[in-house]
Amino acid sequence: MLCPMRLAGETSFLDVNDKNMLMFEAGSLEALRMDIEAISHSYPEEYEELVSMVDQLSGMVSAGTVTSRETESVVGTLYHALHHIKTYASVDAALSAAKVRANALAEETGKLSATPSTFHPWGKPTVYDPQNPIMHITATIVDQPHTMMDKNHPYTRYRMIFKSESPANKRYYMVYRRFNDVKRLNTALVDLKIGSLPALPPQRSVFQSLYDPLFIEDRRKRLADYLQLLSSMLSVVQTEAFQHFLTEDGQYRAIEEGYT
C-alpha cells in the first residue's frame, strides 16, 4: 500500500504519535519530579542527584535522542532508587526511635551509668600548636568504620591514625572523622590554591547504601589512599586546615605503644 504524501501544512500520523508520546513522557517525568520532592529535606544530596538525572533525561526526550522504551526503563530505575531511599528513611527513623527508647529505659533502670570521663582514653588529648605542627607523616591508617545516626540520617565514622616520625616526637595521632569532614578539608585546600591535589573519593550514589559493607570497605580504602597522598605533600601538611584536621578532638600516643 502506498504511503500518503505529506502536503505542506499537514501533519502526518507519525508526527501526531510522536507528539502524543512526548506529552506522555513529559507527564511521566513531571510526576516523577513531584515524587522526588518528598525527599528534598531529609535526603538533600540524593534529591539533587535524582533531579539532575531527571533533567538530563528530560533534555534527551525533548531532543528525541532516546526511545520510549529507554525512557520507560530509566524512569522505572529512578522510581526504584526513590523507593530504596524512602525505605531506608523509614528504617533509619525506626532505628533512631528504638535507640531513644532504649536509652530512656536504661536511664530508668540505672544501667546508663557510664560517662565519657569513665572511658579509658586511647591516648592523651591533642592540642593544636602552630609553633610545632605535626610533620614527617610516614603512614596513614583508616579503620574501624562505624555507621551512626545524625538527625535520622545515617553516616559512617572512621578512625584515622597518622604516624608522625618527627625527630623530637615520634607519635601516632588519632581522630574520628566522617566523609563530610574529609570533603570540607579538600574544599579548604582547594581554596588555598596550593597546587594539584589528589582526587577526592567519589560521592556515594543514590543506588548505594551506607549499610552496604562492600561500599564501606571500598570507601575506607579510598580514604586511606587519599589521606596518605595528602600527608606526603609538604605544602598540604603545613596548612592550618590540615593541622586542624589532625588535631581537633584528637588524641596521641607514643609510637612504642602501638596504635591498636
Protein backbone atom coordinates (compact mmCIF):
# COMPACT_ATOMS: atom_id res chain seq x y z
CA MET A 1 0.00 0.00 0.00
CA LEU A 2 1.30 3.42 -0.93
CA CYS A 3 2.04 5.81 1.89
CA PRO A 4 0.07 9.05 1.72
CA MET A 5 2.09 12.04 0.63
CA ARG A 6 2.60 14.76 3.17
CA LEU A 7 1.40 18.11 1.89
CA ALA A 8 2.56 21.49 3.08
CA GLY A 9 0.77 22.48 6.27
CA GLU A 10 -0.42 18.96 7.01
CA THR A 11 0.62 16.81 9.97
CA SER A 12 1.38 13.16 9.35
CA PHE A 13 0.15 10.33 11.58
CA LEU A 14 3.76 9.79 12.67
CA ASP A 15 4.05 13.40 13.86
CA VAL A 16 0.86 13.05 15.89
CA ASN A 17 2.11 9.85 17.50
CA ASP A 18 5.47 11.40 18.29
CA LYS A 19 3.78 14.43 19.83
CA ASN A 20 1.50 12.27 21.94
CA MET A 21 4.44 10.16 23.08
CA LEU A 22 6.42 13.26 24.03
CA MET A 23 3.44 14.55 26.03
CA PHE A 24 3.11 11.18 27.79
CA GLU A 25 6.83 11.03 28.60
CA ALA A 26 6.86 14.65 29.78
CA GLY A 27 3.93 13.85 32.08
CA SER A 28 5.73 10.79 33.47
CA LEU A 29 8.85 12.82 34.16
CA GLU A 30 6.85 15.60 35.82
CA ALA A 31 5.11 13.06 38.05
CA LEU A 32 8.49 11.55 38.93
CA ARG A 33 9.87 15.00 39.71
CA MET A 34 6.97 15.66 42.11
CA ASP A 35 7.55 12.32 43.86
CA ILE A 36 11.24 13.13 44.26
CA GLU A 37 10.34 16.37 46.07
CA ALA A 38 9.29 14.23 49.05
CA ILE A 39 12.95 13.57 49.96
CA SER A 40 14.28 17.09 49.30
CA HIS A 41 14.64 17.93 53.01
CA SER A 42 15.56 14.60 54.59
CA TYR A 43 17.97 13.46 51.87
CA PRO A 44 19.21 16.62 50.09
CA GLU A 45 22.24 15.01 48.39
CA GLU A 46 20.22 12.12 46.97
CA TYR A 47 17.49 14.60 45.97
CA GLU A 48 19.94 16.72 43.97
CA GLU A 49 21.34 13.66 42.22
CA LEU A 50 17.92 12.33 41.24
CA VAL A 51 16.76 15.75 40.00
CA SER A 52 19.90 16.02 37.88
CA MET A 53 19.16 12.64 36.31
CA VAL A 54 15.57 13.63 35.57
CA ASP A 55 16.75 16.89 33.98
CA GLN A 56 19.18 15.01 31.76
CA LEU A 57 16.53 12.52 30.72
CA SER A 58 14.03 15.30 30.04
CA GLY A 59 16.52 17.01 27.75
CA MET A 60 17.14 13.78 25.85
CA VAL A 61 13.39 13.20 25.44
CA SER A 62 12.90 16.71 24.10
CA ALA A 63 15.82 16.27 21.69
CA GLY A 64 14.50 12.92 20.52
CA THR A 65 17.76 11.13 21.30
CA VAL A 66 16.16 8.44 23.47
CA THR A 67 13.46 5.91 22.61
CA SER A 68 10.21 5.50 24.52
CA ARG A 69 11.27 2.09 25.79
CA GLU A 70 14.58 3.50 27.04
CA THR A 71 12.74 6.35 28.74
CA GLU A 72 10.37 3.96 30.49
CA SER A 73 13.33 1.84 31.63
CA VAL A 74 15.19 4.82 33.10
CA VAL A 75 12.06 6.18 34.78
CA GLY A 76 11.45 2.76 36.32
CA THR A 77 15.04 2.63 37.57
CA LEU A 78 14.74 6.09 39.13
CA TYR A 79 11.49 5.12 40.85
CA HIS A 80 13.26 2.03 42.21
CA ALA A 81 16.05 4.26 43.58
CA LEU A 82 13.48 6.58 45.13
CA HIS A 83 11.69 3.66 46.79
CA HIS A 84 15.08 2.41 48.03
CA ILE A 85 15.79 5.78 49.67
CA LYS A 86 12.33 6.05 51.23
CA THR A 87 12.62 2.53 52.60
CA TYR A 88 15.91 3.29 54.29
CA ALA A 89 14.46 6.57 55.58
CA SER A 90 11.72 4.65 57.39
CA VAL A 91 14.25 2.11 58.66
CA ASP A 92 16.52 4.90 59.90
CA ALA A 93 13.61 6.57 61.69
CA ALA A 94 12.65 3.28 63.34
CA LEU A 95 16.24 2.64 64.44
CA SER A 96 16.52 6.16 65.83
CA ALA A 97 13.25 5.81 67.76
CA ALA A 98 14.34 2.43 69.11
CA LYS A 99 17.65 3.92 70.25
CA VAL A 100 15.82 6.73 72.09
CA ARG A 101 13.54 4.22 73.81
CA ALA A 102 16.49 2.01 74.77
CA ASN A 103 18.37 4.94 76.29
CA ALA A 104 15.29 6.06 78.21
CA LEU A 105 14.79 2.55 79.58
CA ALA A 106 18.44 2.29 80.55
CA GLU A 107 18.27 5.60 82.42
CA GLU A 108 15.16 4.46 84.29
CA THR A 109 16.79 1.22 85.40
CA GLY A 110 20.07 2.90 86.29
CA LYS A 111 22.04 0.98 83.69
CA LEU A 112 23.24 4.04 81.82
CA SER A 113 25.85 4.94 84.41
CA ALA A 114 28.94 5.23 82.26
CA THR A 115 30.02 8.77 81.41
CA PRO A 116 32.73 9.85 78.96
CA SER A 117 35.08 10.54 81.86
CA THR A 118 34.95 6.87 82.91
CA PHE A 119 36.02 5.56 79.50
CA HIS A 120 39.66 4.65 79.12
CA PRO A 121 41.23 7.12 76.67
CA TRP A 122 43.19 5.89 73.66
CA GLY A 123 45.90 8.44 74.38
CA LYS A 124 46.43 11.98 75.53
CA PRO A 125 44.37 14.88 74.10
CA THR A 126 45.99 16.54 71.11
CA VAL A 127 46.33 20.31 71.20
CA TYR A 128 46.97 22.29 68.03
CA ASP A 129 50.22 24.24 68.32
CA PRO A 130 51.01 26.49 65.33
CA GLN A 131 54.63 26.71 66.51
CA ASN A 132 55.04 22.93 66.46
CA PRO A 133 52.97 21.47 63.61
CA ILE A 134 52.73 17.73 63.11
CA MET A 135 55.21 16.82 60.39
CA HIS A 136 57.04 13.82 58.92
CA ILE A 137 53.90 11.70 58.48
CA THR A 138 55.07 8.33 57.19
CA ALA A 139 51.90 6.24 57.40
CA THR A 140 48.14 6.73 57.41
CA ILE A 141 45.65 4.20 58.76
CA VAL A 142 41.87 4.32 58.27
CA ASP A 143 39.93 1.62 60.11
CA GLN A 144 37.06 0.81 62.48
CA PRO A 145 34.17 2.16 60.37
CA HIS A 146 31.03 2.65 62.43
CA THR A 147 27.65 3.66 60.99
CA MET A 148 25.84 6.18 63.20
CA MET A 149 22.75 8.40 63.11
CA ASP A 150 22.61 12.18 62.80
CA LYS A 151 19.07 13.63 62.86
CA ASN A 152 17.68 10.37 61.45
CA HIS A 153 20.29 10.43 58.70
CA PRO A 154 22.94 7.67 58.68
CA TYR A 155 26.62 8.29 58.22
CA THR A 156 29.78 6.27 58.74
CA ARG A 157 32.55 7.43 61.06
CA TYR A 158 36.10 6.16 60.62
CA ARG A 159 39.09 6.07 62.92
CA MET A 160 42.03 7.80 61.24
CA ILE A 161 45.58 7.42 62.53
CA PHE A 162 48.62 9.34 61.31
CA LYS A 163 52.12 8.12 62.15
CA SER A 164 54.50 11.03 62.68
CA GLU A 165 58.23 10.30 62.89
CA SER A 166 59.42 13.78 63.74
CA PRO A 167 62.86 13.60 65.40
CA ALA A 168 61.59 15.22 68.61
CA ASN A 169 58.24 13.41 68.90
CA LYS A 170 57.56 10.03 67.30
CA ARG A 171 53.83 9.65 67.77
CA TYR A 172 50.56 8.27 66.48
CA TYR A 173 47.83 10.89 66.13
CA MET A 174 44.25 9.62 66.11
CA VAL A 175 40.98 11.31 65.17
CA TYR A 176 37.46 10.17 64.29
CA ARG A 177 36.18 11.62 61.05
CA ARG A 178 33.35 11.09 58.59
CA PHE A 179 33.43 11.54 54.82
CA ASN A 180 31.95 15.05 55.05
CA ASP A 181 34.89 16.10 57.25
CA VAL A 182 37.29 14.97 54.53
CA LYS A 183 35.23 16.84 51.95
CA ARG A 184 35.50 20.04 53.99
CA LEU A 185 39.26 19.57 54.25
CA ASN A 186 39.50 19.09 50.50
CA THR A 187 37.45 22.25 49.88
CA ALA A 188 39.68 24.25 52.22
CA LEU A 189 42.82 23.02 50.46
CA VAL A 190 41.39 23.83 47.04
CA ASP A 191 40.54 27.35 48.23
CA LEU A 192 44.15 27.82 49.34
CA LYS A 193 45.32 27.17 45.75
CA ILE A 194 48.40 25.27 46.88
CA GLY A 195 48.68 23.26 43.68
CA SER A 196 47.45 19.95 42.30
CA LEU A 197 45.70 17.72 44.83
CA PRO A 198 44.80 14.03 44.72
CA ALA A 199 41.26 13.22 43.67
CA LEU A 200 38.74 13.06 46.49
CA PRO A 201 37.00 9.65 46.78
CA PRO A 202 33.69 9.75 44.86
CA GLN A 203 30.42 10.74 46.46
CA ARG A 204 28.01 7.92 47.29
CA SER A 205 25.47 7.23 44.58
CA VAL A 206 21.76 7.05 45.36
CA PHE A 207 21.97 3.38 44.35
CA GLN A 208 24.45 2.63 47.14
CA SER A 209 23.52 2.06 50.76
CA LEU A 210 25.55 3.34 53.68
CA TYR A 211 24.86 -0.02 55.30
CA ASP A 212 26.49 -1.95 52.44
CA PRO A 213 29.72 -3.47 53.84
CA LEU A 214 31.28 -3.56 50.37
CA PHE A 215 30.68 0.17 49.92
CA ILE A 216 32.02 0.95 53.41
CA GLU A 217 35.17 -1.10 52.82
CA ASP A 218 35.76 0.46 49.40
CA ARG A 219 35.39 3.98 50.83
CA ARG A 220 37.71 3.11 53.74
CA LYS A 221 40.46 2.06 51.33
CA ARG A 222 39.96 5.13 49.13
CA LEU A 223 40.09 7.46 52.14
CA ALA A 224 43.30 5.81 53.36
CA ASP A 225 44.93 6.28 49.94
CA TYR A 226 43.71 9.87 49.65
CA LEU A 227 44.94 10.87 53.12
CA GLN A 228 48.28 9.11 52.56
CA LEU A 229 48.83 11.18 49.41
CA LEU A 230 47.88 14.40 51.21
CA SER A 231 50.22 13.54 54.09
CA SER A 232 53.12 13.17 51.68
CA MET A 233 52.69 16.74 50.39
CA LEU A 234 54.62 19.27 52.45
CA SER A 235 52.54 22.14 51.06
CA VAL A 236 49.41 20.43 52.43
CA VAL A 237 50.78 19.28 55.80
CA GLN A 238 51.93 22.80 56.65
CA THR A 239 48.47 24.32 56.22
CA GLU A 240 46.36 25.26 59.20
CA ALA A 241 43.40 23.37 57.67
CA PHE A 242 45.31 20.08 57.61
CA GLN A 243 46.76 20.60 61.10
CA HIS A 244 43.27 21.22 62.50
CA PHE A 245 42.07 18.06 60.76
CA LEU A 246 44.85 16.11 62.53
CA THR A 247 44.32 17.56 65.97
CA GLU A 248 40.73 18.70 66.57
CA ASP A 249 39.10 16.37 69.15
CA GLY A 250 42.06 14.06 68.64
CA GLN A 251 44.46 12.05 70.80
CA TYR A 252 48.07 10.99 70.54
CA ARG A 253 50.36 8.32 71.96
CA ALA A 254 53.99 7.31 71.57
CA ILE A 255 54.81 5.03 68.67
CA GLU A 256 56.24 2.50 71.11
CA GLU A 257 52.72 1.99 72.50
CA GLY A 258 51.32 0.88 69.14
CA TYR A 259 48.06 2.16 67.68
CA THR A 260 45.57 -0.68 68.27
